[in-house]
Amino acid sequence: MENWLKTGDGKKIKLLFDGKVTIVSPENTSNIIPLFCPCCNLPMKDNSDSISYRKIKVCNKCDERWTNKPNVKWPDGPDKKSDEWNAYIDNRKLVERTAINFR
């Protein structure tokens, strides 16, 4: 059973375990940006990703790379079985890696 209480300021709360745990959530969740891009499944990292997600529902890198290609239809996105897609993902994964320093 959903026992959400509206706070009046655009949020809702739910109390669990006799009030020991409180969950606070926005009433309207349509503007929440996911942690991972729905197209490439890589992390959304900065404000440019948020802007692109609000515009076309993908991260900034996917937006820059795929949305202006004439053979790519949205919302389906690029052909994820193509060699071009595999090369793109391999390159993104290499670039996204963080250097590890052992001191």
C-alpha atoms as a PDB file:
ATOM      1  CA  MET A   1       0.000   0.000   0.000  1.00  0.00           C
ATOM      2  CA  GLU A   2       1.297   3.433  -0.919  1.00  0.00           C
ATOM      3  CA  ASN A   3       1.005   5.771   2.082  1.00  0.00           C
ATOM      4  CA  TRP A   4       2.623   8.935   0.744  1.00  0.00           C
ATOM      5  CA  LEU A   5       1.901  12.205   2.537  1.00  0.00           C
ATOM      6  CA  LYS A   6       2.065  15.454   0.538  1.00  0.00           C
ATOM      7  CA  THR A   7       4.068  18.212   2.206  1.00  0.00           C
ATOM      8  CA  GLY A   8       2.628  21.084   0.198  1.00  0.00           C
ATOM      9  CA  ASP A   9       5.978  22.240  -1.194  1.00  0.00           C
ATOM     10  CA  GLY A  10       6.157  19.856  -4.161  1.00  0.00           C
ATOM     11  CA  LYS A  11       7.420  16.904  -2.141  1.00  0.00           C
ATOM     12  CA  LYS A  12       5.912  13.787  -0.661  1.00  0.00           C
ATOM     13  CA  ILE A  13       7.093  11.725   2.289  1.00  0.00           C
ATOM     14  CA  LYS A  14       6.638   8.141   3.390  1.00  0.00           C
ATOM     15  CA  LEU A  15       7.333   6.880   6.895  1.00  0.00           C
ATOM     16  CA  LEU A  16       8.587   3.321   7.338  1.00  0.00           C
ATOM     17  CA  PHE A  17       9.399   1.182  10.357  1.00  0.00           C
ATOM     18  CA  ASP A  18       7.149   3.144  12.746  1.00  0.00           C
ATOM     19  CA  GLY A  19       8.633   6.483  11.645  1.00  0.00           C
ATOM     20  CA  LYS A  20      12.272   5.459  12.023  1.00  0.00           C
ATOM     21  CA  VAL A  21      12.893   5.756   8.261  1.00  0.00           C
ATOM     22  CA  THR A  22      11.625   8.697   6.226  1.00  0.00           C
ATOM     23  CA  ILE A  23      11.636   8.737   2.427  1.00  0.00           C
ATOM     24  CA  VAL A  24      11.344  12.137   0.765  1.00  0.00           C
ATOM     25  CA  SER A  25      10.511  12.256  -2.949  1.00  0.00           C
ATOM     26  CA  PRO A  26       9.436  14.955  -5.393  1.00  0.00           C
ATOM     27  CA  GLU A  27       5.768  14.745  -6.392  1.00  0.00           C
ATOM     28  CA  ASN A  28       6.634  15.265 -10.059  1.00  0.00           C
ATOM     29  CA  THR A  29       9.413  12.885 -11.110  1.00  0.00           C
ATOM     30  CA  SER A  30       9.307  13.705 -14.834  1.00  0.00           C
ATOM     31  CA  ASN A  31      12.370  15.987 -14.579  1.00  0.00           C
ATOM     32  CA  ILE A  32      14.721  13.487 -12.885  1.00  0.00           C
ATOM     33  CA  ILE A  33      17.890  12.700 -14.853  1.00  0.00           C
ATOM     34  CA  PRO A  34      18.935   9.010 -14.745  1.00  0.00           C
ATOM     35  CA  LEU A  35      22.406   7.965 -13.587  1.00  0.00           C
ATOM     36  CA  PHE A  36      23.100   6.111 -16.851  1.00  0.00           C
ATOM     37  CA  CYS A  37      22.423   7.070 -20.463  1.00  0.00           C
ATOM     38  CA  PRO A  38      19.561   5.005 -21.914  1.00  0.00           C
ATOM     39  CA  CYS A  39      21.415   4.767 -25.237  1.00  0.00           C
ATOM     40  CA  CYS A  40      25.006   3.810 -24.315  1.00  0.00           C
ATOM     41  CA  ASN A  41      24.467   2.738 -20.669  1.00  0.00           C
ATOM     42  CA  LEU A  42      27.460   4.803 -19.527  1.00  0.00           C
ATOM     43  CA  PRO A  43      27.278   7.229 -16.569  1.00  0.00           C
ATOM     44  CA  MET A  44      25.779  10.675 -16.941  1.00  0.00           C
ATOM     45  CA  LYS A  45      28.488  12.863 -15.434  1.00  0.00           C
ATOM     46  CA  ASP A  46      27.904  16.581 -15.811  1.00  0.00           C
ATOM     47  CA  ASN A  47      25.522  19.391 -16.680  1.00  0.00           C
ATOM     48  CA  SER A  48      25.948  18.913 -20.434  1.00  0.00           C
ATOM     49  CA  ASP A  49      24.543  15.381 -20.003  1.00  0.00           C
ATOM     50  CA  SER A  50      21.551  16.810 -18.129  1.00  0.00           C
ATOM     51  CA  ILE A  51      20.889  19.323 -20.893  1.00  0.00           C
ATOM     52  CA  SER A  52      21.112  16.670 -23.608  1.00  0.00           C
ATOM     53  CA  TYR A  53      18.898  14.309 -21.642  1.00  0.00           C
ATOM     54  CA  ARG A  54      16.207  16.967 -21.291  1.00  0.00           C
ATOM     55  CA  LYS A  55      16.474  17.715 -25.021  1.00  0.00           C
ATOM     56  CA  ILE A  56      16.624  14.228 -26.567  1.00  0.00           C
ATOM     57  CA  LYS A  57      16.795  11.680 -23.688  1.00  0.00           C
ATOM     58  CA  VAL A  58      20.462  10.655 -24.184  1.00  0.00           C
ATOM     59  CA  CYS A  59      23.838  11.796 -22.760  1.00  0.00           C
ATOM     60  CA  ASN A  60      25.783  14.637 -24.357  1.00  0.00           C
ATOM     61  CA  LYS A  61      28.266  12.323 -26.108  1.00  0.00           C
ATOM     62  CA  CYS A  62      25.481  10.266 -27.732  1.00  0.00           C
ATOM     63  CA  ASP A  63      23.676  13.486 -28.644  1.00  0.00           C
ATOM     64  CA  GLU A  64      26.778  14.928 -30.341  1.00  0.00           C
ATOM     65  CA  ARG A  65      27.651  11.677 -32.092  1.00  0.00           C
ATOM     66  CA  TRP A  66      24.303  10.278 -33.222  1.00  0.00           C
ATOM     67  CA  THR A  67      21.440  12.781 -33.306  1.00  0.00           C
ATOM     68  CA  ASN A  68      22.592  14.635 -36.423  1.00  0.00           C
ATOM     69  CA  LYS A  69      23.406  11.537 -38.479  1.00  0.00           C
ATOM     70  CA  PRO A  70      20.906  11.202 -41.326  1.00  0.00           C
ATOM     71  CA  ASN A  71      20.529   7.426 -41.029  1.00  0.00           C
ATOM     72  CA  VAL A  72      19.816   7.441 -37.267  1.00  0.00           C
ATOM     73  CA  LYS A  73      16.157   7.673 -36.297  1.00  0.00           C
ATOM     74  CA  TRP A  74      15.133   8.752 -32.807  1.00  0.00           C
ATOM     75  CA  PRO A  75      13.933   7.509 -30.355  1.00  0.00           C
ATOM     76  CA  ASP A  76      15.317   4.162 -31.608  1.00  0.00           C
ATOM     77  CA  GLY A  77      18.856   5.529 -31.788  1.00  0.00           C
ATOM     78  CA  PRO A  78      21.799   4.037 -33.680  1.00  0.00           C
ATOM     79  CA  ASP A  79      22.056   0.438 -34.854  1.00  0.00           C
ATOM     80  CA  LYS A  80      23.705  -1.192 -31.849  1.00  0.00           C
ATOM     81  CA  LYS A  81      24.900  -4.154 -33.900  1.00  0.00           C
ATOM     82  CA  SER A  82      26.988  -2.074 -36.295  1.00  0.00           C
ATOM     83  CA  ASP A  83      30.778  -1.861 -36.267  1.00  0.00           C
ATOM     84  CA  GLU A  84      30.494   1.920 -35.942  1.00  0.00           C
ATOM     85  CA  TRP A  85      28.487   1.537 -32.709  1.00  0.00           C
ATOM     86  CA  ASN A  86      30.927  -1.021 -31.274  1.00  0.00           C
ATOM     87  CA  ALA A  87      33.890   1.250 -32.032  1.00  0.00           C
ATOM     88  CA  TYR A  88      32.059   4.192 -30.421  1.00  0.00           C
ATOM     89  CA  ILE A  89      31.337   2.232 -27.235  1.00  0.00           C
ATOM     90  CA  ASP A  90      34.889   0.839 -27.035  1.00  0.00           C
ATOM     91  CA  ASN A  91      36.305   4.363 -27.395  1.00  0.00           C
ATOM     92  CA  ARG A  92      33.890   5.794 -24.799  1.00  0.00           C
ATOM     93  CA  LYS A  93      34.815   3.091 -22.300  1.00  0.00           C
ATOM     94  CA  LEU A  94      38.529   3.848 -22.761  1.00  0.00           C
ATOM     95  CA  VAL A  95      38.002   7.586 -22.383  1.00  0.00           C
ATOM     96  CA  GLU A  96      35.699   7.179 -19.364  1.00  0.00           C
ATOM     97  CA  ARG A  97      38.264   5.171 -17.388  1.00  0.00           C
ATOM     98  CA  THR A  98      39.784   6.981 -14.502  1.00  0.00           C
ATOM     99  CA  ALA A  99      43.526   6.758 -13.966  1.00  0.00           C
ATOM    100  CA  ILE A 100      44.479   4.960 -10.779  1.00  0.00           C
ATOM    101  CA  ASN A 101      47.442   6.210  -8.787  1.00  0.00           C
ATOM    102  CA  PHE A 102      49.126   3.852  -6.356  1.00  0.00           C
ATOM    103  CA  ARG A 103      51.190   5.846  -3.906  1.00  0.00           C
END
